[in-house]
Amino acid sequence: MSLLSFFGLKRPNYDRPRLTLPDILHRTVVSGLAALTAYGLFLGYMVHKETLAKGRAFGQARG
C-alpha cells in the first residue's frame, strides 16, 4: 500500500470516492480542534489543581 492510496489520493480498483482537498483540510481542522480541546481541558484541570494547592498553603500559613 502506497502513501497516496493510504490517504485516498490514489484510486484503487474498487468503487470508493477519492478524498478531495477540502475533505482533507476539513479533517485536519476537526482533528486539530479536538486535540486543542483536550489540551485545554488538561490545562484547566492543572491550573485548578495548582490553585487549590496554593489556597490550602495560604490557609495553613494564616493559621
N, C-alpha and C. Protein backbone atom coordinates (compact mmCIF):
# COMPACT_ATOMS: atom_id res chain seq x y z
N MET A 1 0.85 -1.18 0.00
CA MET A 1 0.00 0.00 0.00
C MET A 1 0.89 1.24 0.00
N SER A 2 0.65 2.09 -0.94
CA SER A 2 1.46 3.30 -1.01
C SER A 2 0.86 4.38 -0.12
N LEU A 3 1.63 5.42 0.11
CA LEU A 3 1.18 6.53 0.94
C LEU A 3 0.00 7.25 0.30
N LEU A 4 0.02 7.38 -1.02
CA LEU A 4 -1.09 8.05 -1.71
C LEU A 4 -2.39 7.27 -1.57
N SER A 5 -2.32 5.95 -1.67
CA SER A 5 -3.55 5.17 -1.52
C SER A 5 -4.01 5.15 -0.07
N PHE A 6 -3.09 5.26 0.88
CA PHE A 6 -3.47 5.33 2.29
C PHE A 6 -4.31 6.57 2.56
N PHE A 7 -3.94 7.70 1.98
CA PHE A 7 -4.68 8.94 2.18
C PHE A 7 -5.86 9.07 1.23
N GLY A 8 -6.07 8.10 0.37
CA GLY A 8 -7.20 8.13 -0.53
C GLY A 8 -6.98 8.97 -1.77
N LEU A 9 -5.75 9.34 -2.06
CA LEU A 9 -5.48 10.18 -3.22
C LEU A 9 -5.25 9.37 -4.48
N LYS A 10 -4.93 8.10 -4.34
CA LYS A 10 -4.76 7.22 -5.50
C LYS A 10 -5.94 6.25 -5.49
N ARG A 11 -6.68 6.26 -6.55
CA ARG A 11 -7.90 5.47 -6.59
C ARG A 11 -7.59 4.01 -6.91
N PRO A 12 -7.91 3.09 -5.99
CA PRO A 12 -7.72 1.67 -6.28
C PRO A 12 -8.82 1.16 -7.22
N ASN A 13 -8.84 -0.12 -7.48
CA ASN A 13 -9.77 -0.70 -8.45
C ASN A 13 -11.21 -0.74 -7.96
N TYR A 14 -11.47 -0.73 -6.68
CA TYR A 14 -12.85 -0.79 -6.21
C TYR A 14 -13.47 0.61 -6.20
N ASP A 15 -14.79 0.65 -6.06
CA ASP A 15 -15.55 1.89 -6.22
C ASP A 15 -15.61 2.66 -4.90
N ARG A 16 -14.60 3.45 -4.65
CA ARG A 16 -14.54 4.27 -3.43
C ARG A 16 -14.22 5.70 -3.86
N PRO A 17 -14.97 6.69 -3.36
CA PRO A 17 -14.69 8.08 -3.78
C PRO A 17 -13.34 8.56 -3.26
N ARG A 18 -12.67 9.36 -4.07
CA ARG A 18 -11.38 9.92 -3.67
C ARG A 18 -11.58 11.01 -2.64
N LEU A 19 -10.60 11.18 -1.79
CA LEU A 19 -10.62 12.30 -0.86
C LEU A 19 -10.22 13.56 -1.61
N THR A 20 -11.02 14.59 -1.45
CA THR A 20 -10.71 15.86 -2.11
C THR A 20 -9.91 16.74 -1.15
N LEU A 21 -9.32 17.78 -1.68
CA LEU A 21 -8.54 18.69 -0.85
C LEU A 21 -9.39 19.33 0.25
N PRO A 22 -10.63 19.80 -0.04
CA PRO A 22 -11.44 20.34 1.06
C PRO A 22 -11.74 19.31 2.14
N ASP A 23 -11.90 18.04 1.74
CA ASP A 23 -12.15 16.99 2.73
C ASP A 23 -10.93 16.79 3.62
N ILE A 24 -9.75 16.79 3.04
CA ILE A 24 -8.52 16.63 3.83
C ILE A 24 -8.33 17.83 4.76
N LEU A 25 -8.58 19.03 4.26
CA LEU A 25 -8.46 20.23 5.10
C LEU A 25 -9.48 20.20 6.23
N HIS A 26 -10.70 19.75 5.94
CA HIS A 26 -11.73 19.67 6.98
C HIS A 26 -11.34 18.67 8.06
N ARG A 27 -10.84 17.52 7.66
CA ARG A 27 -10.40 16.52 8.64
C ARG A 27 -9.25 17.05 9.48
N THR A 28 -8.35 17.79 8.87
CA THR A 28 -7.22 18.37 9.60
C THR A 28 -7.71 19.38 10.63
N VAL A 29 -8.64 20.24 10.24
CA VAL A 29 -9.16 21.25 11.16
C VAL A 29 -9.92 20.59 12.31
N VAL A 30 -10.76 19.62 12.00
CA VAL A 30 -11.56 18.97 13.03
C VAL A 30 -10.68 18.22 14.02
N SER A 31 -9.69 17.47 13.53
CA SER A 31 -8.82 16.74 14.45
C SER A 31 -7.94 17.70 15.25
N GLY A 32 -7.53 18.82 14.65
CA GLY A 32 -6.76 19.82 15.38
C GLY A 32 -7.57 20.47 16.48
N LEU A 33 -8.84 20.77 16.19
CA LEU A 33 -9.70 21.36 17.21
C LEU A 33 -10.00 20.38 18.34
N ALA A 34 -10.14 19.10 18.01
CA ALA A 34 -10.35 18.09 19.04
C ALA A 34 -9.12 17.98 19.95
N ALA A 35 -7.93 18.01 19.36
CA ALA A 35 -6.71 17.97 20.16
C ALA A 35 -6.56 19.22 21.01
N LEU A 36 -6.92 20.37 20.46
CA LEU A 36 -6.85 21.62 21.21
C LEU A 36 -7.83 21.62 22.37
N THR A 37 -9.01 21.04 22.18
CA THR A 37 -9.99 20.92 23.25
C THR A 37 -9.46 20.04 24.37
N ALA A 38 -8.88 18.90 24.02
CA ALA A 38 -8.32 18.00 25.04
C ALA A 38 -7.19 18.69 25.80
N TYR A 39 -6.34 19.42 25.09
CA TYR A 39 -5.24 20.14 25.73
C TYR A 39 -5.77 21.23 26.66
N GLY A 40 -6.81 21.93 26.24
CA GLY A 40 -7.42 22.97 27.07
C GLY A 40 -8.04 22.40 28.33
N LEU A 41 -8.70 21.25 28.22
CA LEU A 41 -9.27 20.60 29.40
C LEU A 41 -8.17 20.18 30.37
N PHE A 42 -7.09 19.65 29.83
CA PHE A 42 -5.96 19.25 30.68
C PHE A 42 -5.37 20.46 31.40
N LEU A 43 -5.15 21.56 30.66
CA LEU A 43 -4.58 22.75 31.29
C LEU A 43 -5.53 23.34 32.33
N GLY A 44 -6.82 23.33 32.05
CA GLY A 44 -7.79 23.82 33.02
C GLY A 44 -7.75 23.01 34.31
N TYR A 45 -7.63 21.69 34.18
CA TYR A 45 -7.54 20.84 35.36
C TYR A 45 -6.25 21.11 36.14
N MET A 46 -5.14 21.27 35.44
CA MET A 46 -3.87 21.51 36.13
C MET A 46 -3.86 22.86 36.84
N VAL A 47 -4.42 23.89 36.23
CA VAL A 47 -4.48 25.20 36.87
C VAL A 47 -5.39 25.14 38.09
N HIS A 48 -6.52 24.44 37.97
CA HIS A 48 -7.43 24.30 39.10
C HIS A 48 -6.74 23.57 40.26
N LYS A 49 -6.01 22.52 39.94
CA LYS A 49 -5.30 21.74 40.96
C LYS A 49 -4.24 22.60 41.66
N GLU A 50 -3.50 23.39 40.89
CA GLU A 50 -2.47 24.26 41.46
C GLU A 50 -3.09 25.36 42.32
N THR A 51 -4.21 25.91 41.88
CA THR A 51 -4.88 26.96 42.64
C THR A 51 -5.37 26.42 43.98
N LEU A 52 -5.92 25.22 43.98
CA LEU A 52 -6.36 24.62 45.24
C LEU A 52 -5.18 24.38 46.18
N ALA A 53 -4.05 23.94 45.64
CA ALA A 53 -2.87 23.70 46.48
C ALA A 53 -2.36 25.00 47.07
N LYS A 54 -2.34 26.07 46.28
CA LYS A 54 -1.89 27.37 46.81
C LYS A 54 -2.86 27.89 47.86
N GLY A 55 -4.14 27.67 47.65
CA GLY A 55 -5.13 28.11 48.64
C GLY A 55 -4.98 27.37 49.95
N ARG A 56 -4.73 26.08 49.88
CA ARG A 56 -4.51 25.30 51.11
C ARG A 56 -3.25 25.78 51.84
N ALA A 57 -2.19 26.04 51.09
CA ALA A 57 -0.94 26.52 51.70
C ALA A 57 -1.15 27.89 52.33
N PHE A 58 -1.91 28.75 51.67
CA PHE A 58 -2.18 30.08 52.21
C PHE A 58 -3.03 29.97 53.48
N GLY A 59 -3.99 29.06 53.49
CA GLY A 59 -4.84 28.87 54.67
C GLY A 59 -4.05 28.33 55.85
N GLN A 60 -3.12 27.44 55.59
CA GLN A 60 -2.31 26.88 56.67
C GLN A 60 -1.33 27.92 57.21
N ALA A 61 -0.84 28.81 56.36
CA ALA A 61 0.11 29.83 56.79
C ALA A 61 -0.58 30.87 57.68
N ARG A 62 -1.86 31.14 57.39
CA ARG A 62 -2.58 32.15 58.18
C ARG A 62 -3.02 31.59 59.53
N GLY A 63 -3.14 30.29 59.59
CA GLY A 63 -3.36 29.79 60.88
C GLY A 63 -4.46 28.97 61.25
